Structures are given as C-alpha cells and as structure tokens.
Amino acid sequence: MSRRILVLVIGLMLTGMVGCSSHHHGSYGYGKGDYYWSKAGKDMSGLIEKHVKDPEKVKQVNEVLGEIITELKSAREQHRQYHRALYELNANYAAPPEDFTKILDELNNSRMRSAGKILGLRFKMKGLMTAEEWAALSGEMKEYGSRYYGKGAETTAPAPH
C-alpha cells in the first residue's frame, strides 16, 4: 500500500471519528459527544460487518475499533484540559512565555503519544483483514468521511520532506 493511501486512510478514520465528537454537536443534549461517538462506532461496525467475512475476525476488528474510539475520546479530553490550562495561564498577566511553551510542549507530546497508539491499533486492525477486505472498508470509510468534509475535496497526502 502506498504511503499516500496509508496516510489518507488513517486521516479519514481519525477525522471522521473526531469530527463526530466536536463541540458543534453539543446542542443535542448528549454529554461531550457521547451520542456521536456511539453513532460513529455503530456506523464503523456496520461497515466492518459488511466487508469482513469471518465472524470471529469481525469481533476482533470491532474490539480494536473500540480501543481506537476509547483512545480518541481520551485524547480529546486531554486536549480540552491543556486548552483550559492555557486559558487559565493567559489570565495571569505576569505569566512568562516559558509557562505557555511548557503547556504547548506537553499538549504536542500528548498528541504524538495518542497518534502513535492509534497508528499501532490501525495496523493491528489491518492485520486482522485480508487486502480485499481492507480495500473495501477503506473505500467506504472515505465515503463516510466525505459526509463531513465535502464530496468534491479529494484528499492527498503532503509530499514527504
């Protein structure tokens, strides 16, 4: 699988799921996007059941999906906490730049840890499927993501440096 396709699939998977939890959905009365995490999980599970032939593999892939969702939810909450810390620090007129930098470094390190964990889970999920199942699932995931990010926007990976 080419690097661009790999990055595209990971990006669509993450942005589709993270997008479902964002603050603009909060007006529906569900706490912190729980309804949308549940909906995204059910939608993805349906795609998995549609494309993975072996029922035992379906179960295993869905377990990995659950781990990914748990990590995404946790990462989102950590992100909120770091931003709260930045807002609190911003209220302190005497706060030196180093204090802001420390929080931003911690935020970025947290994001990288989470992204690394999710990437590992993505490869674990991929390893449970055949190439054909993965290709079919990835294609539908791309369509699923286009509901949130526009059908005409063809996403490509950035050029390697």
N, C-alpha and C. Protein backbone atom coordinates (compact mmCIF):
# COMPACT_ATOMS: atom_id res chain seq x y z
N MET A 1 0.86 -1.16 0.00
CA MET A 1 0.00 0.00 0.00
C MET A 1 0.90 1.23 0.00
N SER A 2 0.60 2.17 -0.87
CA SER A 2 1.46 3.35 -0.94
C SER A 2 1.30 4.22 0.31
N ARG A 3 2.30 5.02 0.55
CA ARG A 3 2.31 5.87 1.74
C ARG A 3 1.16 6.87 1.70
N ARG A 4 0.85 7.39 0.53
CA ARG A 4 -0.25 8.36 0.42
C ARG A 4 -1.59 7.74 0.78
N ILE A 5 -1.83 6.54 0.32
CA ILE A 5 -3.09 5.87 0.64
C ILE A 5 -3.15 5.59 2.13
N LEU A 6 -2.05 5.13 2.69
CA LEU A 6 -1.99 4.85 4.13
C LEU A 6 -2.33 6.10 4.93
N VAL A 7 -1.70 7.22 4.59
CA VAL A 7 -1.95 8.47 5.30
C VAL A 7 -3.40 8.91 5.10
N LEU A 8 -3.93 8.74 3.90
CA LEU A 8 -5.31 9.11 3.61
C LEU A 8 -6.28 8.30 4.46
N VAL A 9 -6.08 7.00 4.51
CA VAL A 9 -6.97 6.13 5.28
C VAL A 9 -6.93 6.48 6.76
N ILE A 10 -5.73 6.64 7.28
CA ILE A 10 -5.60 7.00 8.70
C ILE A 10 -6.26 8.35 8.96
N GLY A 11 -5.99 9.29 8.10
CA GLY A 11 -6.56 10.62 8.27
C GLY A 11 -8.08 10.62 8.23
N LEU A 12 -8.64 9.89 7.28
CA LEU A 12 -10.09 9.82 7.19
C LEU A 12 -10.70 9.13 8.40
N MET A 13 -10.05 8.07 8.83
CA MET A 13 -10.56 7.35 10.00
C MET A 13 -10.57 8.26 11.23
N LEU A 14 -9.46 8.94 11.46
CA LEU A 14 -9.35 9.79 12.63
C LEU A 14 -10.25 11.01 12.53
N THR A 15 -10.24 11.69 11.39
CA THR A 15 -11.04 12.90 11.28
C THR A 15 -12.53 12.60 11.29
N GLY A 16 -12.91 11.50 10.70
CA GLY A 16 -14.33 11.12 10.75
C GLY A 16 -14.81 10.89 12.16
N MET A 17 -14.00 10.18 12.92
CA MET A 17 -14.40 9.88 14.30
C MET A 17 -14.27 11.10 15.20
N VAL A 18 -13.19 11.84 15.07
CA VAL A 18 -13.01 13.03 15.91
C VAL A 18 -14.06 14.07 15.55
N GLY A 19 -14.35 14.22 14.27
CA GLY A 19 -15.35 15.20 13.84
C GLY A 19 -16.72 14.94 14.45
N CYS A 20 -17.02 13.69 14.69
CA CYS A 20 -18.31 13.35 15.27
C CYS A 20 -18.43 13.76 16.72
N SER A 21 -17.33 14.06 17.35
CA SER A 21 -17.39 14.40 18.77
C SER A 21 -17.26 15.89 19.03
N SER A 22 -17.11 16.66 17.99
CA SER A 22 -16.77 18.07 18.21
C SER A 22 -17.91 18.85 18.85
N HIS A 23 -17.55 20.04 19.36
CA HIS A 23 -18.46 20.85 20.15
C HIS A 23 -19.72 21.28 19.42
N HIS A 24 -19.70 21.35 18.10
CA HIS A 24 -20.87 21.83 17.40
C HIS A 24 -22.05 20.87 17.49
N HIS A 25 -21.83 19.68 18.00
CA HIS A 25 -22.91 18.72 18.18
C HIS A 25 -23.50 18.78 19.59
N GLY A 26 -22.95 19.58 20.44
CA GLY A 26 -23.33 19.59 21.84
C GLY A 26 -24.77 20.02 22.11
N SER A 27 -25.42 20.68 21.19
CA SER A 27 -26.75 21.21 21.44
C SER A 27 -27.83 20.14 21.48
N TYR A 28 -27.47 18.89 21.24
CA TYR A 28 -28.46 17.83 21.23
C TYR A 28 -28.67 17.19 22.59
N GLY A 29 -28.01 17.70 23.61
CA GLY A 29 -28.26 17.23 24.95
C GLY A 29 -27.45 16.02 25.38
N TYR A 30 -26.50 15.62 24.61
CA TYR A 30 -25.67 14.48 24.97
C TYR A 30 -24.33 14.98 25.47
N GLY A 31 -23.83 14.38 26.53
CA GLY A 31 -22.60 14.86 27.15
C GLY A 31 -21.37 14.57 26.33
N LYS A 32 -20.63 15.61 26.03
CA LYS A 32 -19.31 15.53 25.39
C LYS A 32 -19.27 14.66 24.15
N GLY A 33 -20.33 14.66 23.37
CA GLY A 33 -20.32 13.93 22.11
C GLY A 33 -20.51 12.44 22.24
N ASP A 34 -20.95 11.95 23.41
CA ASP A 34 -21.10 10.50 23.59
C ASP A 34 -22.02 9.88 22.54
N TYR A 35 -23.11 10.57 22.24
CA TYR A 35 -24.03 10.05 21.23
C TYR A 35 -23.31 9.89 19.89
N TYR A 36 -22.49 10.84 19.54
CA TYR A 36 -21.81 10.81 18.25
C TYR A 36 -20.68 9.79 18.22
N TRP A 37 -20.00 9.58 19.36
CA TRP A 37 -19.01 8.50 19.41
C TRP A 37 -19.73 7.17 19.21
N SER A 38 -20.87 7.03 19.85
CA SER A 38 -21.65 5.80 19.73
C SER A 38 -22.11 5.60 18.29
N LYS A 39 -22.61 6.67 17.68
CA LYS A 39 -23.07 6.58 16.29
C LYS A 39 -21.92 6.24 15.34
N ALA A 40 -20.79 6.92 15.52
CA ALA A 40 -19.63 6.64 14.67
C ALA A 40 -19.19 5.20 14.85
N GLY A 41 -19.16 4.72 16.09
CA GLY A 41 -18.78 3.33 16.35
C GLY A 41 -19.73 2.35 15.70
N LYS A 42 -21.03 2.63 15.78
CA LYS A 42 -22.03 1.74 15.16
C LYS A 42 -21.90 1.77 13.64
N ASP A 43 -21.70 2.97 13.09
CA ASP A 43 -21.54 3.09 11.64
C ASP A 43 -20.31 2.31 11.17
N MET A 44 -19.19 2.48 11.87
CA MET A 44 -17.97 1.76 11.50
C MET A 44 -18.15 0.26 11.68
N SER A 45 -18.80 -0.14 12.76
CA SER A 45 -19.04 -1.56 13.00
C SER A 45 -19.88 -2.16 11.87
N GLY A 46 -20.86 -1.39 11.40
CA GLY A 46 -21.67 -1.85 10.27
C GLY A 46 -20.83 -2.05 9.02
N LEU A 47 -19.90 -1.13 8.77
CA LEU A 47 -19.01 -1.27 7.62
C LEU A 47 -18.10 -2.49 7.78
N ILE A 48 -17.63 -2.71 8.99
CA ILE A 48 -16.78 -3.87 9.25
C ILE A 48 -17.55 -5.16 9.00
N GLU A 49 -18.77 -5.24 9.53
CA GLU A 49 -19.60 -6.44 9.33
C GLU A 49 -19.90 -6.65 7.85
N LYS A 50 -20.04 -5.57 7.12
CA LYS A 50 -20.34 -5.66 5.68
C LYS A 50 -19.16 -6.23 4.89
N HIS A 51 -17.94 -5.88 5.29
CA HIS A 51 -16.78 -6.22 4.46
C HIS A 51 -15.90 -7.35 4.98
N VAL A 52 -15.96 -7.66 6.26
CA VAL A 52 -15.12 -8.73 6.81
C VAL A 52 -15.96 -10.00 6.84
N LYS A 53 -15.45 -11.04 6.21
CA LYS A 53 -16.24 -12.26 6.02
C LYS A 53 -16.29 -13.16 7.25
N ASP A 54 -15.19 -13.32 7.94
CA ASP A 54 -15.09 -14.24 9.07
C ASP A 54 -15.70 -13.60 10.32
N PRO A 55 -16.76 -14.21 10.90
CA PRO A 55 -17.41 -13.63 12.08
C PRO A 55 -16.46 -13.43 13.27
N GLU A 56 -15.49 -14.32 13.44
CA GLU A 56 -14.53 -14.16 14.54
C GLU A 56 -13.64 -12.93 14.28
N LYS A 57 -13.26 -12.73 13.02
CA LYS A 57 -12.46 -11.55 12.68
C LYS A 57 -13.27 -10.27 12.87
N VAL A 58 -14.56 -10.33 12.54
CA VAL A 58 -15.43 -9.16 12.75
C VAL A 58 -15.39 -8.76 14.22
N LYS A 59 -15.50 -9.75 15.09
CA LYS A 59 -15.46 -9.49 16.53
C LYS A 59 -14.13 -8.86 16.94
N GLN A 60 -13.03 -9.41 16.44
CA GLN A 60 -11.70 -8.90 16.79
C GLN A 60 -11.49 -7.48 16.25
N VAL A 61 -11.91 -7.25 15.02
CA VAL A 61 -11.75 -5.92 14.41
C VAL A 61 -12.59 -4.89 15.18
N ASN A 62 -13.79 -5.29 15.57
CA ASN A 62 -14.64 -4.38 16.35
C ASN A 62 -14.03 -4.08 17.72
N GLU A 63 -13.33 -5.04 18.31
CA GLU A 63 -12.65 -4.79 19.58
C GLU A 63 -11.55 -3.74 19.39
N VAL A 64 -10.80 -3.85 18.29
CA VAL A 64 -9.76 -2.86 18.00
C VAL A 64 -10.40 -1.50 17.74
N LEU A 65 -11.51 -1.49 17.02
CA LEU A 65 -12.24 -0.24 16.79
C LEU A 65 -12.62 0.40 18.12
N GLY A 66 -13.09 -0.40 19.06
CA GLY A 66 -13.43 0.11 20.38
C GLY A 66 -12.23 0.73 21.08
N GLU A 67 -11.06 0.10 20.93
CA GLU A 67 -9.84 0.66 21.52
C GLU A 67 -9.49 2.00 20.87
N ILE A 68 -9.67 2.10 19.56
CA ILE A 68 -9.39 3.35 18.85
C ILE A 68 -10.33 4.45 19.34
N ILE A 69 -11.60 4.13 19.46
CA ILE A 69 -12.57 5.12 19.92
C ILE A 69 -12.24 5.57 21.35
N THR A 70 -11.89 4.62 22.20
CA THR A 70 -11.52 4.96 23.57
C THR A 70 -10.32 5.90 23.59
N GLU A 71 -9.33 5.62 22.77
CA GLU A 71 -8.15 6.49 22.70
C GLU A 71 -8.50 7.87 22.15
N LEU A 72 -9.35 7.93 21.14
CA LEU A 72 -9.76 9.22 20.58
C LEU A 72 -10.50 10.06 21.62
N LYS A 73 -11.39 9.42 22.36
CA LYS A 73 -12.13 10.14 23.40
C LYS A 73 -11.17 10.66 24.48
N SER A 74 -10.25 9.82 24.89
CA SER A 74 -9.28 10.21 25.90
C SER A 74 -8.40 11.36 25.41
N ALA A 75 -7.95 11.26 24.18
CA ALA A 75 -7.09 12.31 23.60
C ALA A 75 -7.85 13.63 23.51
N ARG A 76 -9.11 13.55 23.15
CA ARG A 76 -9.91 14.77 23.05
C ARG A 76 -10.06 15.44 24.42
N GLU A 77 -10.28 14.64 25.45
CA GLU A 77 -10.41 15.20 26.80
C GLU A 77 -9.08 15.80 27.26
N GLN A 78 -7.98 15.13 26.97
CA GLN A 78 -6.67 15.68 27.33
C GLN A 78 -6.44 17.01 26.62
N HIS A 79 -6.83 17.07 25.35
CA HIS A 79 -6.69 18.30 24.57
C HIS A 79 -7.47 19.43 25.25
N ARG A 80 -8.69 19.13 25.68
CA ARG A 80 -9.50 20.14 26.38
C ARG A 80 -8.80 20.62 27.65
N GLN A 81 -8.22 19.68 28.40
CA GLN A 81 -7.55 20.04 29.65
C GLN A 81 -6.35 20.96 29.39
N TYR A 82 -5.58 20.66 28.36
CA TYR A 82 -4.45 21.53 28.05
C TYR A 82 -4.91 22.92 27.64
N HIS A 83 -5.99 22.99 26.89
CA HIS A 83 -6.51 24.30 26.50
C HIS A 83 -7.05 25.07 27.70
N ARG A 84 -7.68 24.36 28.63
CA ARG A 84 -8.12 25.03 29.86
C ARG A 84 -6.92 25.60 30.61
N ALA A 85 -5.85 24.83 30.67
CA ALA A 85 -4.64 25.31 31.36
C ALA A 85 -4.09 26.56 30.66
N LEU A 86 -4.14 26.57 29.33
CA LEU A 86 -3.67 27.76 28.60
C LEU A 86 -4.55 28.97 28.89
N TYR A 87 -5.87 28.77 28.95
CA TYR A 87 -6.77 29.88 29.26
C TYR A 87 -6.51 30.42 30.66
N GLU A 88 -6.29 29.52 31.61
CA GLU A 88 -6.00 29.94 32.98
C GLU A 88 -4.68 30.71 33.05
N LEU A 89 -3.68 30.20 32.35
CA LEU A 89 -2.39 30.87 32.34
C LEU A 89 -2.49 32.24 31.67
N ASN A 90 -3.28 32.31 30.62
CA ASN A 90 -3.46 33.57 29.91
C ASN A 90 -4.04 34.65 30.82
N ALA A 91 -4.84 34.25 31.78
CA ALA A 91 -5.44 35.21 32.72
C ALA A 91 -4.40 35.81 33.67
N ASN A 92 -3.25 35.16 33.77
CA ASN A 92 -2.18 35.65 34.64
C ASN A 92 -1.30 36.61 33.84
N TYR A 93 -1.43 37.88 34.10
CA TYR A 93 -0.70 38.91 33.35
C TYR A 93 0.81 38.70 33.44
N ALA A 94 1.28 38.19 34.56
CA ALA A 94 2.72 38.05 34.80
C ALA A 94 3.29 36.72 34.30
N ALA A 95 2.47 35.89 33.68
CA ALA A 95 2.94 34.57 33.23
C ALA A 95 4.01 34.73 32.14
N PRO A 96 5.16 34.09 32.33
CA PRO A 96 6.23 34.19 31.34
C PRO A 96 5.96 33.27 30.14
N PRO A 97 6.55 33.56 29.00
CA PRO A 97 6.37 32.74 27.80
C PRO A 97 6.73 31.27 28.03
N GLU A 98 7.70 31.02 28.90
CA GLU A 98 8.13 29.63 29.14
C GLU A 98 7.00 28.77 29.69
N ASP A 99 6.11 29.38 30.48
CA ASP A 99 4.98 28.61 31.02
C ASP A 99 4.04 28.18 29.90
N PHE A 100 3.82 29.05 28.93
CA PHE A 100 2.98 28.71 27.79
C PHE A 100 3.65 27.61 26.96
N THR A 101 4.94 27.78 26.73
CA THR A 101 5.69 26.81 25.94
C THR A 101 5.65 25.43 26.58
N LYS A 102 5.75 25.38 27.90
CA LYS A 102 5.71 24.10 28.60
C LYS A 102 4.37 23.39 28.35
N ILE A 103 3.27 24.13 28.46
CA ILE A 103 1.95 23.53 28.23
C ILE A 103 1.82 23.09 26.78
N LEU A 104 2.27 23.91 25.85
CA LEU A 104 2.19 23.55 24.43
C LEU A 104 3.04 22.32 24.12
N ASP A 105 4.21 22.22 24.73
CA ASP A 105 5.05 21.03 24.55
C ASP A 105 4.34 19.79 25.07
N GLU A 106 3.73 19.90 26.25
CA GLU A 106 3.00 18.77 26.82
C GLU A 106 1.82 18.37 25.93
N LEU A 107 1.12 19.38 25.40
CA LEU A 107 0.00 19.12 24.50
C LEU A 107 0.47 18.37 23.26
N ASN A 108 1.53 18.86 22.64
CA ASN A 108 2.05 18.21 21.43
C ASN A 108 2.57 16.81 21.72
N ASN A 109 3.24 16.62 22.85
CA ASN A 109 3.71 15.27 23.21
C ASN A 109 2.54 14.33 23.44
N SER A 110 1.50 14.83 24.06
CA SER A 110 0.30 14.02 24.29
C SER A 110 -0.34 13.62 22.97
N ARG A 111 -0.43 14.56 22.05
CA ARG A 111 -0.98 14.26 20.72
C ARG A 111 -0.15 13.19 20.00
N MET A 112 1.16 13.32 20.08
CA MET A 112 2.02 12.35 19.41
C MET A 112 1.88 10.95 20.03
N ARG A 113 1.81 10.87 21.36
CA ARG A 113 1.61 9.57 22.01
C ARG A 113 0.30 8.95 21.55
N SER A 114 -0.74 9.75 21.53
CA SER A 114 -2.05 9.25 21.13
C SER A 114 -2.05 8.83 19.66
N ALA A 115 -1.46 9.65 18.81
CA ALA A 115 -1.40 9.32 17.38
C ALA A 115 -0.61 8.03 17.16
N GLY A 116 0.48 7.86 17.90
CA GLY A 116 1.26 6.62 17.79
C GLY A 116 0.46 5.41 18.22
N LYS A 117 -0.29 5.55 19.30
CA LYS A 117 -1.12 4.43 19.77
C LYS A 117 -2.19 4.09 18.73
N ILE A 118 -2.84 5.12 18.20
CA ILE A 118 -3.89 4.90 17.20
C ILE A 118 -3.30 4.28 15.94
N LEU A 119 -2.13 4.72 15.54
CA LEU A 119 -1.47 4.14 14.37
C LEU A 119 -1.19 2.66 14.59
N GLY A 120 -0.70 2.31 15.77
CA GLY A 120 -0.46 0.90 16.10
C GLY A 120 -1.75 0.09 16.05
N LEU A 121 -2.84 0.66 16.56
CA LEU A 121 -4.13 -0.03 16.52
C LEU A 121 -4.64 -0.17 15.09
N ARG A 122 -4.38 0.84 14.27
CA ARG A 122 -4.78 0.77 12.86
C ARG A 122 -4.09 -0.39 12.16
N PHE A 123 -2.79 -0.57 12.44
CA PHE A 123 -2.07 -1.69 11.83
C PHE A 123 -2.53 -3.02 12.41
N LYS A 124 -2.89 -3.04 13.67
CA LYS A 124 -3.45 -4.25 14.27
C LYS A 124 -4.76 -4.62 13.57
N MET A 125 -5.60 -3.62 13.33
CA MET A 125 -6.87 -3.83 12.64
C MET A 125 -6.62 -4.33 11.22
N LYS A 126 -5.72 -3.68 10.53
CA LYS A 126 -5.40 -4.07 9.16
C LYS A 126 -4.90 -5.50 9.10
N GLY A 127 -4.08 -5.90 10.09
CA GLY A 127 -3.54 -7.25 10.13
C GLY A 127 -4.59 -8.33 10.32
N LEU A 128 -5.75 -7.97 10.81
CA LEU A 128 -6.83 -8.94 11.00
C LEU A 128 -7.63 -9.17 9.73
N MET A 129 -7.42 -8.33 8.72
CA MET A 129 -8.22 -8.40 7.50
C MET A 129 -7.38 -8.80 6.30
N THR A 130 -8.07 -9.28 5.28
CA THR A 130 -7.40 -9.53 4.01
C THR A 130 -7.22 -8.20 3.29
N ALA A 131 -6.38 -8.20 2.27
CA ALA A 131 -6.16 -6.98 1.49
C ALA A 131 -7.46 -6.50 0.84
N GLU A 132 -8.27 -7.45 0.38
CA GLU A 132 -9.54 -7.10 -0.26
C GLU A 132 -10.51 -6.48 0.74
N GLU A 133 -10.59 -7.08 1.93
CA GLU A 133 -11.47 -6.54 2.97
C GLU A 133 -11.04 -5.14 3.37
N TRP A 134 -9.73 -4.97 3.52
CA TRP A 134 -9.19 -3.66 3.92
C TRP A 134 -9.49 -2.61 2.85
N ALA A 135 -9.30 -2.97 1.58
CA ALA A 135 -9.55 -2.02 0.49
C ALA A 135 -11.03 -1.62 0.45
N ALA A 136 -11.91 -2.60 0.61
CA ALA A 136 -13.35 -2.30 0.58
C ALA A 136 -13.75 -1.43 1.77
N LEU A 137 -13.26 -1.77 2.94
CA LEU A 137 -13.56 -0.99 4.14
C LEU A 137 -13.01 0.43 4.00
N SER A 138 -11.79 0.56 3.52
CA SER A 138 -11.17 1.87 3.36
C SER A 138 -11.95 2.74 2.39
N GLY A 139 -12.43 2.13 1.30
CA GLY A 139 -13.23 2.88 0.33
C GLY A 139 -14.50 3.43 0.94
N GLU A 140 -15.17 2.60 1.73
CA GLU A 140 -16.40 3.07 2.37
C GLU A 140 -16.11 4.08 3.48
N MET A 141 -14.98 3.92 4.15
CA MET A 141 -14.60 4.90 5.18
C MET A 141 -14.37 6.26 4.53
N LYS A 142 -13.80 6.26 3.35
CA LYS A 142 -13.57 7.52 2.63
C LYS A 142 -14.91 8.18 2.30
N GLU A 143 -15.87 7.38 1.84
CA GLU A 143 -17.20 7.92 1.56
C GLU A 143 -17.86 8.43 2.83
N TYR A 144 -17.70 7.70 3.92
CA TYR A 144 -18.26 8.10 5.22
C TYR A 144 -17.68 9.45 5.64
N GLY A 145 -16.38 9.60 5.50
CA GLY A 145 -15.72 10.86 5.85
C GLY A 145 -16.15 12.01 4.96
N SER A 146 -16.48 11.73 3.71
CA SER A 146 -16.85 12.80 2.79
C SER A 146 -18.17 13.46 3.19
N ARG A 147 -18.98 12.78 4.00
CA ARG A 147 -20.21 13.41 4.51
C ARG A 147 -19.88 14.62 5.36
N TYR A 148 -18.73 14.58 6.01
CA TYR A 148 -18.33 15.64 6.92
C TYR A 148 -17.39 16.65 6.28
N TYR A 149 -16.66 16.23 5.25
CA TYR A 149 -15.60 17.08 4.70
C TYR A 149 -15.79 17.42 3.24
N GLY A 150 -16.94 17.15 2.68
CA GLY A 150 -17.22 17.52 1.31
C GLY A 150 -16.87 16.43 0.33
N LYS A 151 -17.77 16.20 -0.60
CA LYS A 151 -17.59 15.13 -1.58
C LYS A 151 -16.58 15.50 -2.65
N GLY A 152 -16.45 16.77 -2.96
CA GLY A 152 -15.57 17.18 -4.04
C GLY A 152 -14.12 17.33 -3.64
N ALA A 153 -13.87 17.38 -2.37
CA ALA A 153 -12.49 17.60 -1.90
C ALA A 153 -11.72 16.30 -1.90
N GLU A 154 -10.88 16.12 -2.89
CA GLU A 154 -10.04 14.93 -2.97
C GLU A 154 -8.82 15.16 -2.10
N THR A 155 -8.64 14.32 -1.13
CA THR A 155 -7.55 14.50 -0.18
C THR A 155 -6.31 13.76 -0.66
N THR A 156 -5.18 14.45 -0.59
CA THR A 156 -3.91 13.80 -0.89
C THR A 156 -2.96 14.04 0.26
N ALA A 157 -2.05 13.14 0.40
CA ALA A 157 -1.07 13.27 1.48
C ALA A 157 -0.05 14.34 1.11
N PRO A 158 0.47 15.02 2.11
CA PRO A 158 1.51 16.01 1.82
C PRO A 158 2.76 15.33 1.30
N ALA A 159 3.50 16.05 0.48
CA ALA A 159 4.73 15.49 -0.08
C ALA A 159 5.74 15.27 1.04
N PRO A 160 6.47 14.15 1.00
CA PRO A 160 7.48 13.91 2.04
C PRO A 160 8.60 14.94 1.92
N HIS A 161 9.16 15.31 3.06
CA HIS A 161 10.25 16.32 3.07
C HIS A 161 11.59 15.67 3.00
